[in-house]
Amino acid sequence: MDQGYNTSLKISQWAEEDRPREKLMLKGKSTLSDAELIGILLRSGTVSLTAVEVAKLILRQVNNDLNELAKLTVHDLQKIKGVGEAKAISIISALELGRRRKETVSVKKDIITSSQIVYDIMYQYLVDLNHEQFWVIMLNRANMVLKKVMVSQGGVSGTVADPKLIFKSALENLASAIILVHNHPSGNLKPSEADIALTRKVKSAGSLLEIPVLDHLIFTNNGYYSFADEGTI
């Protein structure tokens, strides 16, 4: 969001109500643009750019998408003019605190009644990952979540989940049913042949152990594929 700042002036030379820190104090945090908030984290700019202008460069790299910004590493951020290691760490730390805040919003036990609830529960664990992880959600007879366990993780293109490890966790936690969840960092919602084969194998094993597999969710940042919703489990 461009506020039309005079780029020939340092932030200290702006009108007090336009300086990000003073503006936050005077008008409240909600009045600041994304660039102004990041500018506060940066604390300073360069010889030729203010902190807010450096923040705009950062946002331009991710098309002003904070979700994309959260995926950048310290090394990625350091490629941007005016961003050193300390500034990159400050940005990543702030975004991580925001992610962790979501984890503590609710302490109530979740009851699974739809695939959307599964997606919402797993969002905090799988959003922005650049590698695959495979999780198992264990449920009691009332479909209340007992525990969430990551059973494997791999590279960008895939991970291998061992059915023995899946049911080892389920048996240890006395689960009455399980839901499988893994992410596709590519954003592709279509299940691979390996995904389909694994789902069938785990479902078959669950039938023998009387621990039914209720669903298998493929997670992406922008949505999900549910084997149960699609009638493929």
Protein backbone atom coordinates (compact mmCIF):
# COMPACT_ATOMS: atom_id res chain seq x y z
CA MET A 1 0.00 0.00 0.00
CA ASP A 2 1.74 3.17 -1.21
CA GLN A 3 1.34 6.15 1.07
CA GLY A 4 3.09 8.54 -1.31
CA TYR A 5 6.07 9.21 0.91
CA ASN A 6 8.65 11.76 -0.12
CA THR A 7 11.60 9.46 -0.74
CA SER A 8 14.08 12.33 -0.47
CA LEU A 9 13.37 12.58 3.25
CA LYS A 10 14.55 10.31 6.05
CA ILE A 11 11.83 8.87 8.26
CA SER A 12 12.98 11.17 11.05
CA GLN A 13 12.13 14.11 8.80
CA TRP A 14 8.56 13.00 8.10
CA ALA A 15 5.64 14.55 9.94
CA GLU A 16 5.39 12.85 13.32
CA GLU A 17 1.99 11.28 12.57
CA ASP A 18 3.43 9.68 9.40
CA ARG A 19 6.41 7.97 11.05
CA PRO A 20 5.54 4.28 11.51
CA ARG A 21 6.36 4.04 15.23
CA GLU A 22 4.72 7.33 16.12
CA LYS A 23 1.75 6.52 13.89
CA LEU A 24 1.27 3.22 15.73
CA MET A 25 1.31 5.04 19.08
CA LEU A 26 -1.00 7.84 17.95
CA LYS A 27 -3.46 6.02 15.70
CA GLY A 28 -3.14 2.32 16.54
CA LYS A 29 -1.55 -0.70 14.88
CA SER A 30 -4.41 -1.28 12.45
CA THR A 31 -3.72 2.00 10.67
CA LEU A 32 -0.27 0.90 9.52
CA SER A 33 0.33 -0.66 6.12
CA ASP A 34 2.21 -3.95 5.79
CA ALA A 35 5.26 -1.99 4.62
CA GLU A 36 5.14 0.27 7.68
CA LEU A 37 4.90 -2.69 10.06
CA ILE A 38 7.85 -4.40 8.39
CA GLY A 39 9.70 -1.07 8.43
CA ILE A 40 9.39 -1.02 12.22
CA LEU A 41 10.93 -4.50 12.36
CA LEU A 42 13.80 -3.40 10.11
CA ARG A 43 14.47 -0.34 12.34
CA SER A 44 16.63 1.31 9.66
CA GLY A 45 17.08 1.48 5.92
CA THR A 46 20.10 2.21 3.76
CA VAL A 47 21.91 5.38 2.72
CA SER A 48 19.44 5.86 -0.12
CA LEU A 49 16.33 4.04 1.13
CA THR A 50 14.18 4.42 4.24
CA ALA A 51 13.18 1.35 6.25
CA VAL A 52 9.68 1.56 4.76
CA GLU A 53 11.09 1.65 1.24
CA VAL A 54 13.20 -1.42 1.97
CA ALA A 55 10.03 -3.06 3.31
CA LYS A 56 8.29 -2.26 0.03
CA LEU A 57 11.11 -3.96 -1.87
CA ILE A 58 10.63 -7.04 0.32
CA LEU A 59 6.88 -7.09 -0.31
CA ARG A 60 7.40 -6.60 -4.02
CA GLN A 61 9.46 -9.80 -4.09
CA VAL A 62 6.42 -11.77 -2.87
CA ASN A 63 3.73 -9.82 -4.74
CA ASN A 64 2.60 -8.26 -1.44
CA ASP A 65 1.55 -11.69 -0.16
CA LEU A 66 2.44 -12.21 3.51
CA ASN A 67 1.88 -15.96 3.18
CA GLU A 68 4.59 -16.06 0.52
CA LEU A 69 6.82 -13.87 2.70
CA ALA A 70 6.53 -16.46 5.48
CA LYS A 71 8.11 -19.05 3.17
CA LEU A 72 11.33 -17.07 2.64
CA THR A 73 14.50 -18.09 4.44
CA VAL A 74 17.14 -15.83 5.95
CA HIS A 75 19.23 -16.42 2.83
CA ASP A 76 16.31 -15.47 0.56
CA LEU A 77 15.70 -12.21 2.42
CA GLN A 78 19.37 -11.26 2.38
CA LYS A 79 19.24 -11.14 -1.41
CA ILE A 80 17.04 -8.05 -1.15
CA LYS A 81 18.77 -4.67 -1.07
CA GLY A 82 19.02 -3.29 2.45
CA VAL A 83 18.33 -6.57 4.26
CA GLY A 84 21.13 -8.08 6.31
CA GLU A 85 21.11 -11.16 8.50
CA ALA A 86 19.79 -9.38 11.60
CA LYS A 87 16.91 -7.78 9.72
CA ALA A 88 16.04 -11.05 7.99
CA ILE A 89 15.97 -12.84 11.36
CA SER A 90 13.69 -10.15 12.81
CA ILE A 91 11.17 -10.60 10.00
CA ILE A 92 11.18 -14.39 10.21
CA SER A 93 10.85 -14.28 14.01
CA ALA A 94 7.83 -11.97 13.81
CA LEU A 95 6.08 -14.18 11.26
CA GLU A 96 6.81 -17.29 13.33
CA LEU A 97 5.28 -15.65 16.41
CA GLY A 98 2.16 -14.94 14.37
CA ARG A 99 1.99 -18.59 13.32
CA ARG A 100 2.45 -19.80 16.91
CA ARG A 101 -0.29 -17.48 18.10
CA LYS A 102 -2.75 -19.56 16.06
CA GLU A 103 -1.65 -22.66 17.96
CA THR A 104 -2.75 -21.19 21.29
CA VAL A 105 -6.10 -19.75 20.21
CA SER A 106 -8.05 -22.73 21.50
CA VAL A 107 -7.29 -25.47 23.99
CA LYS A 108 -10.60 -27.31 23.58
CA LYS A 109 -10.60 -30.83 22.23
CA ASP A 110 -11.45 -30.90 18.54
CA ILE A 111 -14.19 -33.17 17.29
CA ILE A 112 -13.91 -34.16 13.65
CA THR A 113 -17.20 -33.75 11.81
CA SER A 114 -15.90 -32.72 8.38
CA SER A 115 -12.81 -32.61 6.20
CA GLN A 116 -12.70 -28.81 6.62
CA ILE A 117 -12.14 -29.24 10.36
CA VAL A 118 -9.22 -31.58 9.64
CA TYR A 119 -7.73 -28.98 7.29
CA ASP A 120 -8.16 -26.20 9.86
CA ILE A 121 -6.54 -28.30 12.60
CA MET A 122 -3.51 -29.15 10.46
CA TYR A 123 -3.07 -25.69 8.94
CA GLN A 124 -0.72 -24.47 11.66
CA TYR A 125 1.57 -27.48 11.20
CA LEU A 126 1.72 -27.72 7.41
CA VAL A 127 1.28 -24.20 6.05
CA ASP A 128 4.32 -22.77 4.24
CA LEU A 129 6.37 -25.98 4.40
CA ASN A 130 8.68 -26.52 1.42
CA HIS A 131 8.95 -30.26 2.06
CA GLU A 132 6.43 -33.05 2.55
CA GLN A 133 5.31 -34.32 5.94
CA PHE A 134 2.96 -37.21 6.72
CA TRP A 135 0.75 -36.97 9.83
CA VAL A 136 -1.76 -39.21 11.54
CA ILE A 137 -4.67 -37.84 13.56
CA MET A 138 -5.89 -40.30 16.17
CA LEU A 139 -9.52 -40.24 17.29
CA ASN A 140 -11.60 -41.82 20.04
CA ARG A 141 -15.03 -43.37 19.50
CA ALA A 142 -16.66 -39.92 19.56
CA ASN A 143 -14.29 -38.71 16.79
CA MET A 144 -12.53 -36.48 19.30
CA VAL A 145 -8.86 -35.84 18.55
CA LEU A 146 -6.60 -37.77 20.92
CA LYS A 147 -3.29 -36.86 19.36
CA LYS A 148 -1.62 -35.67 16.15
CA VAL A 149 1.64 -37.40 15.19
CA MET A 150 4.07 -36.77 12.33
CA VAL A 151 5.24 -40.19 11.16
CA SER A 152 7.56 -39.14 8.34
CA GLN A 153 8.95 -36.24 6.36
CA GLY A 154 10.81 -36.04 3.11
CA GLY A 155 11.79 -33.74 0.28
CA VAL A 156 9.89 -31.40 -2.01
CA SER A 157 8.57 -34.21 -4.17
CA GLY A 158 7.51 -36.76 -1.58
CA THR A 159 7.78 -38.67 1.65
CA VAL A 160 7.36 -42.34 2.51
CA ALA A 161 4.94 -43.33 5.26
CA ASP A 162 5.32 -46.80 6.79
CA PRO A 163 1.95 -48.39 7.71
CA LYS A 164 3.67 -50.16 10.63
CA LEU A 165 4.63 -46.80 12.17
CA ILE A 166 1.16 -45.42 11.50
CA PHE A 167 -0.56 -48.19 13.42
CA LYS A 168 2.13 -48.37 16.09
CA SER A 169 1.17 -44.80 17.06
CA ALA A 170 -2.54 -45.60 16.77
CA LEU A 171 -2.26 -48.65 19.05
CA GLU A 172 -0.10 -46.83 21.61
CA ASN A 173 -2.71 -44.07 21.87
CA LEU A 174 -5.66 -46.48 21.94
CA ALA A 175 -7.15 -44.82 18.87
CA SER A 176 -10.54 -46.02 17.66
CA ALA A 177 -10.03 -44.47 14.21
CA ILE A 178 -7.41 -42.47 12.32
CA ILE A 179 -7.18 -39.81 9.63
CA LEU A 180 -4.15 -39.51 7.36
CA VAL A 181 -2.82 -36.10 6.30
CA HIS A 182 0.11 -35.14 4.13
CA ASN A 183 1.02 -31.95 2.28
CA HIS A 184 1.93 -31.18 -1.31
CA PRO A 185 4.33 -28.18 -1.28
CA SER A 186 3.75 -27.79 -5.04
CA GLY A 187 0.11 -26.88 -4.41
CA ASN A 188 -1.09 -29.79 -6.57
CA LEU A 189 -4.32 -31.20 -5.14
CA LYS A 190 -4.40 -34.31 -7.31
CA PRO A 191 -3.40 -37.49 -5.44
CA SER A 192 -0.47 -39.37 -6.96
CA GLU A 193 -0.57 -43.09 -7.71
CA ALA A 194 1.63 -43.57 -4.63
CA ASP A 195 -0.90 -41.62 -2.51
CA ILE A 196 -3.75 -43.81 -3.77
CA ALA A 197 -1.81 -47.04 -3.23
CA LEU A 198 -0.77 -46.09 0.30
CA THR A 199 -4.33 -45.12 1.20
CA ARG A 200 -5.61 -48.51 0.09
CA LYS A 201 -2.84 -50.33 1.97
CA VAL A 202 -3.40 -48.43 5.21
CA LYS A 203 -7.17 -48.77 4.96
CA SER A 204 -6.82 -52.53 4.49
CA ALA A 205 -4.51 -52.82 7.50
CA GLY A 206 -6.89 -50.70 9.56
CA SER A 207 -9.77 -53.03 8.77
CA LEU A 208 -7.78 -56.00 10.13
CA LEU A 209 -6.88 -54.10 13.30
CA GLU A 210 -10.37 -52.63 13.70
CA ILE A 211 -8.94 -49.12 13.47
CA PRO A 212 -10.75 -47.64 10.46
CA VAL A 213 -9.13 -44.98 8.28
CA LEU A 214 -11.82 -42.30 8.01
CA ASP A 215 -10.08 -40.04 5.52
CA HIS A 216 -6.81 -39.09 3.86
CA LEU A 217 -6.30 -35.35 3.30
CA ILE A 218 -3.86 -33.85 0.83
CA PHE A 219 -3.00 -30.42 2.23
CA THR A 220 -1.93 -27.33 0.29
CA ASN A 221 -1.76 -23.70 1.39
CA ASN A 222 -4.79 -22.88 -0.74
CA GLY A 223 -7.03 -25.87 -0.18
CA TYR A 224 -7.20 -29.63 0.18
CA TYR A 225 -8.26 -32.91 -1.38
CA SER A 226 -10.29 -35.30 0.78
CA PHE A 227 -10.37 -38.96 -0.23
CA ALA A 228 -13.57 -39.34 1.84
CA ASP A 229 -15.33 -36.38 0.21
CA GLU A 230 -14.37 -37.64 -3.23
CA GLY A 231 -15.49 -41.19 -2.45
CA THR A 232 -12.02 -42.63 -3.13
CA ILE A 233 -11.39 -44.26 0.24
